[in-house]
């Protein structure tokens, strides 16, 4: 694919969508340790289920507005009136089950953060703070393990494929393809 800046990127980065290119270049695969951002990405990835990431990304600002800037405490406290308002919000994906899951997942996220000191400590603990370098996968033993634990704790829309995409998004797994200017393979595992 040809990009205006002539940089080689991962095959999925749509050269016709500036938002997508910016996401690829500045966010995807970059290690995230901030719980607020980890929460935002978890919610967005859960809404991706059955859809393309590009669809979710194009609605990201509407999601931020609808979900009060992904304020964890506010989302944890959403009542039925707020859930109905979200179901009516044409700017976001209005799937009733995903909206309900966002609130439950927020509550579990908060419990995990409380138990581990932060959600980041929980998540990065699986790799002892290291980054996994791999590509051309949709799931792995790591995503299987984290998905299983999150489900056991009560989260939904966190299957292994969603969690794998989440781990890629927040840099636990770096999957930039060979030839991409962002590719940085490490042999130290």
N, C-alpha and C. Protein backbone atom coordinates (compact mmCIF):
# COMPACT_ATOMS: atom_id res chain seq x y z
N UNK A 1 0.83 -1.19 0.00
CA UNK A 1 0.00 0.00 0.00
C UNK A 1 0.87 1.24 0.00
N UNK A 2 0.40 2.26 -0.61
CA UNK A 2 1.16 3.50 -0.72
C UNK A 2 0.61 4.54 0.25
N UNK A 3 1.50 5.07 1.08
CA UNK A 3 1.14 6.10 2.04
C UNK A 3 1.74 7.43 1.60
N UNK A 4 1.08 8.50 1.96
CA UNK A 4 1.53 9.84 1.55
C UNK A 4 2.97 10.11 1.99
N UNK A 5 3.37 9.59 3.16
CA UNK A 5 4.73 9.83 3.67
C UNK A 5 5.73 8.77 3.20
N UNK A 6 5.25 7.80 2.42
CA UNK A 6 6.08 6.75 1.83
C UNK A 6 6.71 5.81 2.86
N UNK A 7 6.19 5.78 4.09
CA UNK A 7 6.67 4.83 5.09
C UNK A 7 5.93 3.50 4.91
N UNK A 8 6.63 2.42 5.12
CA UNK A 8 6.01 1.09 5.07
C UNK A 8 5.34 0.82 6.42
N UNK A 9 4.11 0.32 6.37
CA UNK A 9 3.36 0.04 7.58
C UNK A 9 2.78 -1.38 7.54
N UNK A 10 2.21 -1.80 8.65
CA UNK A 10 1.51 -3.09 8.71
C UNK A 10 0.39 -3.09 7.67
N UNK A 11 0.13 -4.24 7.09
CA UNK A 11 -0.84 -4.36 6.02
C UNK A 11 -2.24 -3.91 6.36
N UNK A 12 -2.61 -3.93 7.65
CA UNK A 12 -3.97 -3.56 8.04
C UNK A 12 -4.19 -2.06 8.14
N UNK A 13 -3.14 -1.28 8.15
CA UNK A 13 -3.26 0.18 8.34
C UNK A 13 -3.77 0.83 7.06
N UNK A 14 -5.03 1.12 7.01
CA UNK A 14 -5.70 1.68 5.84
C UNK A 14 -5.11 3.04 5.47
N UNK A 15 -4.44 3.14 4.32
CA UNK A 15 -3.80 4.42 3.95
C UNK A 15 -4.80 5.54 3.67
N UNK A 16 -6.07 5.20 3.51
CA UNK A 16 -7.09 6.21 3.23
C UNK A 16 -7.72 6.78 4.49
N UNK A 17 -7.33 6.26 5.65
CA UNK A 17 -7.92 6.71 6.91
C UNK A 17 -6.81 7.30 7.79
N UNK A 18 -6.73 8.62 7.82
CA UNK A 18 -5.67 9.28 8.60
C UNK A 18 -5.71 8.92 10.08
N UNK A 19 -6.91 8.74 10.61
CA UNK A 19 -7.07 8.35 12.01
C UNK A 19 -6.42 6.99 12.26
N UNK A 20 -6.63 6.08 11.35
CA UNK A 20 -6.08 4.73 11.46
C UNK A 20 -4.56 4.75 11.35
N UNK A 21 -4.03 5.54 10.43
CA UNK A 21 -2.58 5.65 10.28
C UNK A 21 -1.96 6.23 11.55
N UNK A 22 -2.59 7.27 12.09
CA UNK A 22 -2.09 7.89 13.32
C UNK A 22 -2.12 6.87 14.47
N UNK A 23 -3.21 6.11 14.56
CA UNK A 23 -3.31 5.07 15.60
C UNK A 23 -2.17 4.06 15.44
N UNK A 24 -1.96 3.58 14.22
CA UNK A 24 -0.88 2.63 13.96
C UNK A 24 0.47 3.19 14.37
N UNK A 25 0.74 4.44 13.97
CA UNK A 25 2.06 5.04 14.16
C UNK A 25 2.33 5.47 15.60
N UNK A 26 1.31 5.89 16.32
CA UNK A 26 1.52 6.50 17.63
C UNK A 26 1.03 5.69 18.82
N UNK A 27 0.15 4.72 18.60
CA UNK A 27 -0.43 4.01 19.74
C UNK A 27 -0.24 2.49 19.70
N UNK A 28 -0.62 1.87 18.59
CA UNK A 28 -0.69 0.41 18.54
C UNK A 28 0.68 -0.20 18.79
N UNK A 29 0.74 -1.07 19.78
CA UNK A 29 1.99 -1.74 20.10
C UNK A 29 2.89 -0.98 21.05
N UNK A 30 2.50 0.23 21.44
CA UNK A 30 3.28 1.02 22.39
C UNK A 30 2.91 0.59 23.82
N UNK A 31 3.87 0.27 24.66
CA UNK A 31 3.56 -0.17 26.02
C UNK A 31 2.78 0.87 26.81
N UNK A 32 1.66 0.42 27.37
CA UNK A 32 0.77 1.28 28.16
C UNK A 32 0.77 0.76 29.59
N UNK A 33 1.04 1.65 30.53
CA UNK A 33 1.02 1.29 31.96
C UNK A 33 0.02 2.14 32.74
N UNK A 34 -0.61 3.08 32.08
CA UNK A 34 -1.59 3.96 32.71
C UNK A 34 -2.94 3.26 32.78
N UNK A 35 -3.48 3.10 33.99
CA UNK A 35 -4.75 2.38 34.15
C UNK A 35 -5.90 3.03 33.40
N UNK A 36 -5.93 4.35 33.33
CA UNK A 36 -7.03 5.02 32.62
C UNK A 36 -7.02 4.60 31.15
N UNK A 37 -5.87 4.61 30.55
CA UNK A 37 -5.77 4.22 29.13
C UNK A 37 -6.01 2.73 28.96
N UNK A 38 -5.52 1.91 29.91
CA UNK A 38 -5.77 0.47 29.84
C UNK A 38 -7.26 0.18 29.91
N UNK A 39 -7.97 0.94 30.74
CA UNK A 39 -9.42 0.77 30.85
C UNK A 39 -10.11 1.17 29.55
N UNK A 40 -9.76 2.31 29.02
CA UNK A 40 -10.36 2.76 27.76
C UNK A 40 -10.18 1.71 26.67
N UNK A 41 -8.98 1.21 26.52
CA UNK A 41 -8.71 0.25 25.46
C UNK A 41 -9.45 -1.07 25.69
N UNK A 42 -9.59 -1.49 26.93
CA UNK A 42 -10.33 -2.72 27.22
C UNK A 42 -11.79 -2.56 26.82
N UNK A 43 -12.38 -1.42 27.15
CA UNK A 43 -13.78 -1.19 26.78
C UNK A 43 -13.91 -1.13 25.26
N UNK A 44 -13.05 -0.39 24.61
CA UNK A 44 -13.13 -0.28 23.15
C UNK A 44 -12.93 -1.64 22.47
N UNK A 45 -11.97 -2.41 22.94
CA UNK A 45 -11.74 -3.73 22.34
C UNK A 45 -12.96 -4.63 22.53
N UNK A 46 -13.63 -4.52 23.67
CA UNK A 46 -14.81 -5.37 23.89
C UNK A 46 -15.94 -5.00 22.94
N UNK A 47 -16.01 -3.73 22.56
CA UNK A 47 -17.02 -3.31 21.58
C UNK A 47 -16.65 -3.76 20.17
N UNK A 48 -15.40 -4.10 19.94
CA UNK A 48 -14.95 -4.54 18.62
C UNK A 48 -15.48 -5.92 18.27
N UNK A 49 -15.82 -6.73 19.25
CA UNK A 49 -16.23 -8.12 19.01
C UNK A 49 -17.20 -8.20 17.83
N UNK A 50 -16.80 -8.93 16.80
CA UNK A 50 -17.63 -9.11 15.63
C UNK A 50 -17.57 -7.98 14.62
N UNK A 51 -16.78 -6.96 14.91
CA UNK A 51 -16.66 -5.79 14.05
C UNK A 51 -15.18 -5.54 13.74
N UNK A 52 -14.91 -4.55 12.93
CA UNK A 52 -13.52 -4.19 12.65
C UNK A 52 -13.04 -3.15 13.66
N UNK A 53 -11.74 -3.16 13.93
CA UNK A 53 -11.17 -2.15 14.82
C UNK A 53 -11.34 -0.76 14.20
N UNK A 54 -11.25 -0.68 12.90
CA UNK A 54 -11.41 0.61 12.23
C UNK A 54 -12.78 1.22 12.53
N UNK A 55 -13.80 0.39 12.57
CA UNK A 55 -15.15 0.86 12.91
C UNK A 55 -15.17 1.46 14.31
N UNK A 56 -14.57 0.77 15.26
CA UNK A 56 -14.53 1.25 16.65
C UNK A 56 -13.68 2.52 16.74
N UNK A 57 -12.53 2.50 16.10
CA UNK A 57 -11.63 3.65 16.14
C UNK A 57 -12.31 4.91 15.58
N UNK A 58 -13.07 4.75 14.53
CA UNK A 58 -13.77 5.89 13.94
C UNK A 58 -14.82 6.48 14.89
N UNK A 59 -15.26 5.68 15.86
CA UNK A 59 -16.26 6.13 16.83
C UNK A 59 -15.64 6.45 18.20
N UNK A 60 -14.34 6.41 18.28
CA UNK A 60 -13.65 6.55 19.57
C UNK A 60 -14.02 7.82 20.32
N UNK A 61 -14.04 8.96 19.63
CA UNK A 61 -14.38 10.21 20.32
C UNK A 61 -15.81 10.19 20.84
N UNK A 62 -16.72 9.60 20.07
CA UNK A 62 -18.10 9.48 20.53
C UNK A 62 -18.18 8.56 21.76
N UNK A 63 -17.37 7.50 21.75
CA UNK A 63 -17.31 6.62 22.92
C UNK A 63 -16.78 7.38 24.14
N UNK A 64 -15.74 8.16 23.93
CA UNK A 64 -15.17 8.94 25.05
C UNK A 64 -16.22 9.86 25.66
N UNK A 65 -16.97 10.51 24.81
CA UNK A 65 -18.01 11.42 25.30
C UNK A 65 -19.12 10.63 25.99
N UNK A 66 -19.59 9.56 25.36
CA UNK A 66 -20.70 8.78 25.91
C UNK A 66 -20.33 8.11 27.23
N UNK A 67 -19.07 7.70 27.37
CA UNK A 67 -18.61 7.00 28.58
C UNK A 67 -17.84 7.93 29.52
N UNK A 68 -18.22 9.20 29.53
CA UNK A 68 -17.66 10.15 30.49
C UNK A 68 -16.13 10.13 30.53
N UNK A 69 -15.52 10.13 29.34
CA UNK A 69 -14.06 10.14 29.27
C UNK A 69 -13.43 8.87 29.81
N UNK A 70 -14.21 7.80 29.86
CA UNK A 70 -13.77 6.52 30.42
C UNK A 70 -13.33 6.68 31.87
N UNK A 71 -14.06 7.50 32.59
CA UNK A 71 -13.85 7.66 34.03
C UNK A 71 -14.33 6.37 34.70
N UNK A 72 -13.39 5.62 35.25
CA UNK A 72 -13.69 4.30 35.81
C UNK A 72 -14.80 4.36 36.87
N UNK A 73 -14.70 5.28 37.79
CA UNK A 73 -15.70 5.35 38.87
C UNK A 73 -17.08 5.68 38.33
N UNK A 74 -17.15 6.58 37.36
CA UNK A 74 -18.45 6.91 36.78
C UNK A 74 -19.05 5.72 36.06
N UNK A 75 -18.23 5.03 35.26
CA UNK A 75 -18.74 3.88 34.51
C UNK A 75 -19.18 2.77 35.48
N UNK A 76 -18.45 2.57 36.55
CA UNK A 76 -18.83 1.55 37.54
C UNK A 76 -20.21 1.84 38.14
N UNK A 77 -20.57 3.10 38.21
CA UNK A 77 -21.83 3.49 38.84
C UNK A 77 -23.00 3.72 37.89
N UNK A 78 -22.83 3.39 36.61
CA UNK A 78 -23.92 3.62 35.66
C UNK A 78 -25.17 2.84 36.09
N UNK A 79 -26.29 3.56 36.06
CA UNK A 79 -27.57 2.95 36.39
C UNK A 79 -28.35 2.64 35.11
N UNK A 80 -29.55 2.12 35.27
CA UNK A 80 -30.36 1.73 34.12
C UNK A 80 -30.68 2.91 33.21
N UNK A 81 -30.87 4.07 33.79
CA UNK A 81 -31.15 5.27 32.99
C UNK A 81 -29.96 5.61 32.08
N UNK A 82 -28.75 5.53 32.62
CA UNK A 82 -27.55 5.81 31.82
C UNK A 82 -27.37 4.74 30.74
N UNK A 83 -27.63 3.47 31.10
CA UNK A 83 -27.51 2.39 30.12
C UNK A 83 -28.48 2.61 28.96
N UNK A 84 -29.68 3.07 29.26
CA UNK A 84 -30.66 3.34 28.20
C UNK A 84 -30.20 4.51 27.34
N UNK A 85 -29.62 5.53 27.95
CA UNK A 85 -29.10 6.66 27.19
C UNK A 85 -28.00 6.20 26.24
N UNK A 86 -27.15 5.29 26.70
CA UNK A 86 -26.09 4.75 25.85
C UNK A 86 -26.68 3.95 24.69
N UNK A 87 -27.74 3.19 24.97
CA UNK A 87 -28.38 2.40 23.91
C UNK A 87 -29.01 3.29 22.84
N UNK A 88 -29.30 4.53 23.20
CA UNK A 88 -29.90 5.47 22.25
C UNK A 88 -28.87 6.35 21.55
N UNK A 89 -27.62 6.27 21.98
CA UNK A 89 -26.56 7.14 21.44
C UNK A 89 -26.11 6.63 20.07
N UNK A 90 -26.46 7.35 19.02
CA UNK A 90 -26.15 6.92 17.66
C UNK A 90 -24.66 7.04 17.32
N UNK A 91 -23.90 7.70 18.16
CA UNK A 91 -22.47 7.86 17.89
C UNK A 91 -21.63 6.65 18.23
N UNK A 92 -22.19 5.74 19.04
CA UNK A 92 -21.44 4.57 19.47
C UNK A 92 -22.09 3.30 18.92
N UNK A 93 -21.48 2.18 19.21
CA UNK A 93 -22.06 0.88 18.89
C UNK A 93 -23.08 0.59 19.98
N UNK A 94 -24.34 0.44 19.59
CA UNK A 94 -25.42 0.41 20.57
C UNK A 94 -25.87 -1.00 20.94
N UNK A 95 -24.95 -1.91 21.02
CA UNK A 95 -25.25 -3.28 21.39
C UNK A 95 -25.55 -3.35 22.89
N UNK A 96 -26.76 -3.77 23.22
CA UNK A 96 -27.21 -3.81 24.61
C UNK A 96 -26.29 -4.63 25.50
N UNK A 97 -25.89 -5.81 25.01
CA UNK A 97 -25.04 -6.69 25.82
C UNK A 97 -23.64 -6.11 26.04
N UNK A 98 -23.10 -5.47 25.01
CA UNK A 98 -21.77 -4.86 25.14
C UNK A 98 -21.81 -3.66 26.08
N UNK A 99 -22.88 -2.90 26.03
CA UNK A 99 -23.02 -1.75 26.93
C UNK A 99 -23.11 -2.23 28.38
N UNK A 100 -23.91 -3.25 28.61
CA UNK A 100 -24.04 -3.81 29.96
C UNK A 100 -22.70 -4.40 30.42
N UNK A 101 -22.01 -5.06 29.50
CA UNK A 101 -20.71 -5.65 29.83
C UNK A 101 -19.70 -4.58 30.21
N UNK A 102 -19.76 -3.42 29.58
CA UNK A 102 -18.82 -2.34 29.88
C UNK A 102 -18.88 -1.96 31.35
N UNK A 103 -20.09 -1.93 31.91
CA UNK A 103 -20.25 -1.57 33.33
C UNK A 103 -19.71 -2.68 34.23
N UNK A 104 -20.08 -3.91 33.94
CA UNK A 104 -19.61 -5.04 34.74
C UNK A 104 -18.08 -5.16 34.62
N UNK A 105 -17.56 -5.00 33.41
CA UNK A 105 -16.11 -5.09 33.22
C UNK A 105 -15.39 -3.97 33.96
N UNK A 106 -16.00 -2.79 34.02
CA UNK A 106 -15.42 -1.67 34.78
C UNK A 106 -15.32 -2.04 36.26
N UNK A 107 -16.37 -2.65 36.78
CA UNK A 107 -16.37 -3.04 38.20
C UNK A 107 -15.30 -4.08 38.48
N UNK A 108 -15.15 -5.05 37.58
CA UNK A 108 -14.10 -6.08 37.76
C UNK A 108 -12.72 -5.45 37.59
N UNK A 109 -12.57 -4.55 36.62
CA UNK A 109 -11.31 -3.83 36.42
C UNK A 109 -10.90 -3.14 37.72
N UNK A 110 -11.85 -2.46 38.35
CA UNK A 110 -11.59 -1.75 39.61
C UNK A 110 -11.18 -2.73 40.71
N UNK A 111 -11.85 -3.89 40.78
CA UNK A 111 -11.50 -4.90 41.78
C UNK A 111 -10.07 -5.41 41.57
N UNK A 112 -9.72 -5.66 40.32
CA UNK A 112 -8.37 -6.14 40.00
C UNK A 112 -7.33 -5.08 40.37
N UNK A 113 -7.62 -3.82 40.01
CA UNK A 113 -6.69 -2.72 40.34
C UNK A 113 -6.50 -2.62 41.84
N UNK A 114 -7.57 -2.80 42.58
CA UNK A 114 -7.48 -2.75 44.04
C UNK A 114 -6.65 -3.92 44.58
N UNK A 115 -6.86 -5.09 44.03
CA UNK A 115 -6.15 -6.28 44.48
C UNK A 115 -4.65 -6.21 44.18
N UNK A 116 -4.27 -5.69 43.01
CA UNK A 116 -2.88 -5.69 42.56
C UNK A 116 -2.17 -4.35 42.74
N UNK A 117 -2.90 -3.33 43.15
CA UNK A 117 -2.31 -2.00 43.26
C UNK A 117 -2.58 -1.17 42.02
N UNK A 118 -2.74 -1.83 40.89
CA UNK A 118 -3.14 -1.20 39.63
C UNK A 118 -3.48 -2.32 38.66
N UNK A 119 -4.28 -1.99 37.67
CA UNK A 119 -4.57 -2.98 36.63
C UNK A 119 -3.30 -3.25 35.83
N UNK A 120 -2.48 -2.24 35.67
CA UNK A 120 -1.23 -2.39 34.95
C UNK A 120 -0.35 -3.48 35.61
N UNK A 121 -0.26 -3.46 36.92
CA UNK A 121 0.53 -4.48 37.63
C UNK A 121 -0.01 -5.88 37.35
N UNK A 122 -1.33 -6.00 37.36
CA UNK A 122 -1.97 -7.28 37.05
C UNK A 122 -1.61 -7.72 35.63
N UNK A 123 -1.86 -6.84 34.65
CA UNK A 123 -1.69 -7.19 33.25
C UNK A 123 -0.24 -7.49 32.90
N UNK A 124 0.65 -6.58 33.25
CA UNK A 124 2.06 -6.74 32.92
C UNK A 124 2.73 -7.83 33.75
N UNK A 125 2.09 -8.22 34.84
CA UNK A 125 2.61 -9.32 35.65
C UNK A 125 2.68 -10.64 34.89
N UNK A 126 1.80 -10.78 33.92
CA UNK A 126 1.80 -12.01 33.13
C UNK A 126 3.08 -12.18 32.32
N UNK A 127 3.74 -11.09 31.99
CA UNK A 127 5.00 -11.18 31.23
C UNK A 127 6.18 -10.65 32.04
N UNK A 128 5.96 -10.47 33.35
CA UNK A 128 6.99 -9.91 34.23
C UNK A 128 7.52 -8.58 33.68
N UNK A 129 6.61 -7.82 33.07
CA UNK A 129 6.97 -6.50 32.55
C UNK A 129 7.58 -6.52 31.16
N UNK A 130 7.78 -7.70 30.61
CA UNK A 130 8.39 -7.80 29.28
C UNK A 130 7.38 -7.69 28.15
N UNK A 131 7.89 -7.44 26.97
CA UNK A 131 7.07 -7.35 25.76
C UNK A 131 7.26 -8.62 24.96
N UNK A 132 6.16 -9.17 24.47
CA UNK A 132 6.19 -10.36 23.62
C UNK A 132 6.21 -9.86 22.17
N UNK A 133 7.16 -10.35 21.39
CA UNK A 133 7.27 -9.97 19.98
C UNK A 133 6.81 -11.14 19.11
N UNK A 134 5.64 -10.98 18.49
CA UNK A 134 5.12 -12.00 17.59
C UNK A 134 4.07 -11.37 16.69
N UNK A 135 3.88 -11.97 15.54
CA UNK A 135 2.86 -11.46 14.62
C UNK A 135 2.18 -12.62 13.93
N UNK A 136 1.16 -12.30 13.15
CA UNK A 136 0.39 -13.29 12.40
C UNK A 136 -0.36 -14.27 13.29
N UNK A 137 -0.83 -13.78 14.43
CA UNK A 137 -1.63 -14.61 15.33
C UNK A 137 -2.90 -13.86 15.70
N UNK A 138 -3.92 -14.62 16.11
CA UNK A 138 -5.16 -14.02 16.61
C UNK A 138 -5.39 -14.38 18.06
N UNK A 139 -4.59 -15.30 18.58
CA UNK A 139 -4.65 -15.68 19.98
C UNK A 139 -3.34 -16.39 20.32
N UNK A 140 -3.13 -16.62 21.61
CA UNK A 140 -1.91 -17.28 22.06
C UNK A 140 -2.16 -17.87 23.44
N UNK A 141 -1.25 -18.68 23.94
CA UNK A 141 -1.41 -19.16 25.31
C UNK A 141 -1.54 -18.01 26.32
N UNK A 142 -0.84 -16.89 26.07
CA UNK A 142 -0.94 -15.73 26.96
C UNK A 142 -2.35 -15.15 26.94
N UNK A 143 -2.90 -14.93 25.76
CA UNK A 143 -4.26 -14.37 25.69
C UNK A 143 -5.28 -15.37 26.23
N UNK A 144 -5.03 -16.66 26.03
CA UNK A 144 -5.91 -17.70 26.59
C UNK A 144 -5.95 -17.58 28.12
N UNK A 145 -4.77 -17.46 28.71
CA UNK A 145 -4.65 -17.42 30.18
C UNK A 145 -5.32 -16.17 30.77
N UNK A 146 -5.06 -15.02 30.17
CA UNK A 146 -5.64 -13.78 30.68
C UNK A 146 -7.15 -13.78 30.47
N UNK A 147 -7.60 -14.21 29.30
CA UNK A 147 -9.03 -14.29 29.02
C UNK A 147 -9.73 -15.18 30.04
N UNK A 148 -9.15 -16.32 30.30
CA UNK A 148 -9.75 -17.27 31.26
C UNK A 148 -9.87 -16.64 32.64
N UNK A 149 -8.83 -15.94 33.07
CA UNK A 149 -8.85 -15.32 34.38
C UNK A 149 -9.89 -14.19 34.45
N UNK A 150 -9.93 -13.36 33.42
CA UNK A 150 -10.90 -12.26 33.41
C UNK A 150 -12.33 -12.78 33.42
N UNK A 151 -12.58 -13.84 32.67
CA UNK A 151 -13.92 -14.45 32.66
C UNK A 151 -14.26 -15.01 34.03
N UNK A 152 -13.28 -15.67 34.65
CA UNK A 152 -13.50 -16.24 35.98
C UNK A 152 -13.86 -15.14 36.99
N UNK A 153 -13.31 -13.97 36.79
CA UNK A 153 -13.58 -12.84 37.67
C UNK A 153 -14.91 -12.14 37.34
N UNK A 154 -15.53 -12.50 36.21
CA UNK A 154 -16.84 -11.97 35.88
C UNK A 154 -16.94 -11.08 34.67
N UNK A 155 -15.82 -10.85 33.96
CA UNK A 155 -15.89 -10.04 32.75
C UNK A 155 -16.51 -10.83 31.61
N UNK A 156 -17.09 -10.10 30.66
CA UNK A 156 -17.62 -10.69 29.43
C UNK A 156 -17.07 -9.91 28.24
N UNK A 157 -17.23 -10.48 27.05
CA UNK A 157 -16.64 -9.92 25.82
C UNK A 157 -15.13 -9.78 25.97
N UNK A 158 -14.54 -10.78 26.60
CA UNK A 158 -13.08 -10.82 26.80
C UNK A 158 -12.54 -12.19 26.39
N UNK A 159 -13.05 -12.71 25.27
CA UNK A 159 -12.53 -13.97 24.76
C UNK A 159 -11.08 -13.82 24.35
N UNK A 160 -10.44 -14.93 24.05
CA UNK A 160 -9.01 -14.91 23.78
C UNK A 160 -8.65 -14.04 22.58
N UNK A 161 -9.49 -13.98 21.55
CA UNK A 161 -9.19 -13.15 20.38
C UNK A 161 -9.26 -11.67 20.74
N UNK A 162 -10.27 -11.29 21.51
CA UNK A 162 -10.39 -9.90 21.96
C UNK A 162 -9.21 -9.53 22.85
N UNK A 163 -8.86 -10.42 23.77
CA UNK A 163 -7.74 -10.13 24.68
C UNK A 163 -6.43 -10.08 23.90
N UNK A 164 -6.26 -10.91 22.89
CA UNK A 164 -5.05 -10.85 22.08
C UNK A 164 -4.95 -9.48 21.41
N UNK A 165 -6.06 -9.02 20.81
CA UNK A 165 -6.07 -7.69 20.18
C UNK A 165 -5.80 -6.60 21.21
N UNK A 166 -6.33 -6.76 22.41
CA UNK A 166 -6.09 -5.81 23.50
C UNK A 166 -4.60 -5.77 23.86
N UNK A 167 -4.00 -6.95 24.01
CA UNK A 167 -2.58 -7.03 24.36
C UNK A 167 -1.71 -6.38 23.28
N UNK A 168 -2.11 -6.53 22.02
CA UNK A 168 -1.40 -5.86 20.93
C UNK A 168 -1.58 -4.35 21.05
N UNK A 169 -2.80 -3.92 21.30
CA UNK A 169 -3.11 -2.49 21.35
C UNK A 169 -2.33 -1.77 22.45
N UNK A 170 -2.14 -2.45 23.59
CA UNK A 170 -1.49 -1.79 24.73
C UNK A 170 -0.02 -2.19 24.87
N UNK A 171 0.52 -2.85 23.84
CA UNK A 171 1.95 -3.09 23.78
C UNK A 171 2.50 -4.25 24.58
N UNK A 172 1.65 -5.04 25.21
CA UNK A 172 2.16 -6.25 25.87
C UNK A 172 2.69 -7.19 24.80
N UNK A 173 1.97 -7.21 23.67
CA UNK A 173 2.43 -7.95 22.49
C UNK A 173 2.70 -6.92 21.40
N UNK A 174 3.91 -6.97 20.85
CA UNK A 174 4.27 -6.09 19.74
C UNK A 174 4.18 -6.93 18.47
N UNK A 175 3.22 -6.60 17.62
CA UNK A 175 2.97 -7.39 16.41
C UNK A 175 3.20 -6.62 15.13
N UNK A 176 3.96 -5.54 15.19
CA UNK A 176 4.24 -4.83 13.94
C UNK A 176 4.94 -5.79 12.98
N UNK A 177 4.46 -5.80 11.75
CA UNK A 177 4.93 -6.76 10.76
C UNK A 177 6.34 -6.43 10.27
N UNK A 178 7.05 -7.47 9.84
CA UNK A 178 8.35 -7.27 9.21
C UNK A 178 8.17 -6.31 8.05
N UNK A 179 9.06 -5.35 7.93
CA UNK A 179 8.96 -4.35 6.87
C UNK A 179 8.27 -3.08 7.31
N UNK A 180 7.48 -3.15 8.38
CA UNK A 180 6.82 -1.95 8.92
C UNK A 180 7.88 -1.10 9.61
N UNK A 181 7.81 0.21 9.42
CA UNK A 181 8.81 1.08 10.04
C UNK A 181 8.76 1.04 11.56
N UNK A 182 7.66 0.52 12.14
CA UNK A 182 7.53 0.40 13.59
C UNK A 182 8.00 -0.96 14.11
N UNK A 183 8.37 -1.86 13.22
CA UNK A 183 8.78 -3.21 13.62
C UNK A 183 10.05 -3.15 14.46
N UNK A 184 9.99 -3.83 15.60
CA UNK A 184 11.16 -3.86 16.49
C UNK A 184 11.21 -5.23 17.14
N UNK A 185 11.78 -6.17 16.47
CA UNK A 185 11.88 -7.55 17.01
C UNK A 185 13.04 -7.65 18.00
N UNK A 186 12.76 -8.38 19.05
CA UNK A 186 13.79 -8.63 20.06
C UNK A 186 14.02 -10.12 20.17
N UNK A 187 15.24 -10.51 20.40
CA UNK A 187 15.53 -11.93 20.57
C UNK A 187 15.64 -12.31 22.04
N UNK A 188 15.52 -11.30 22.92
CA UNK A 188 15.68 -11.60 24.35
C UNK A 188 14.35 -11.99 25.00
N UNK A 189 13.37 -12.34 24.22
CA UNK A 189 12.17 -12.95 24.60
C UNK A 189 11.20 -12.41 25.46
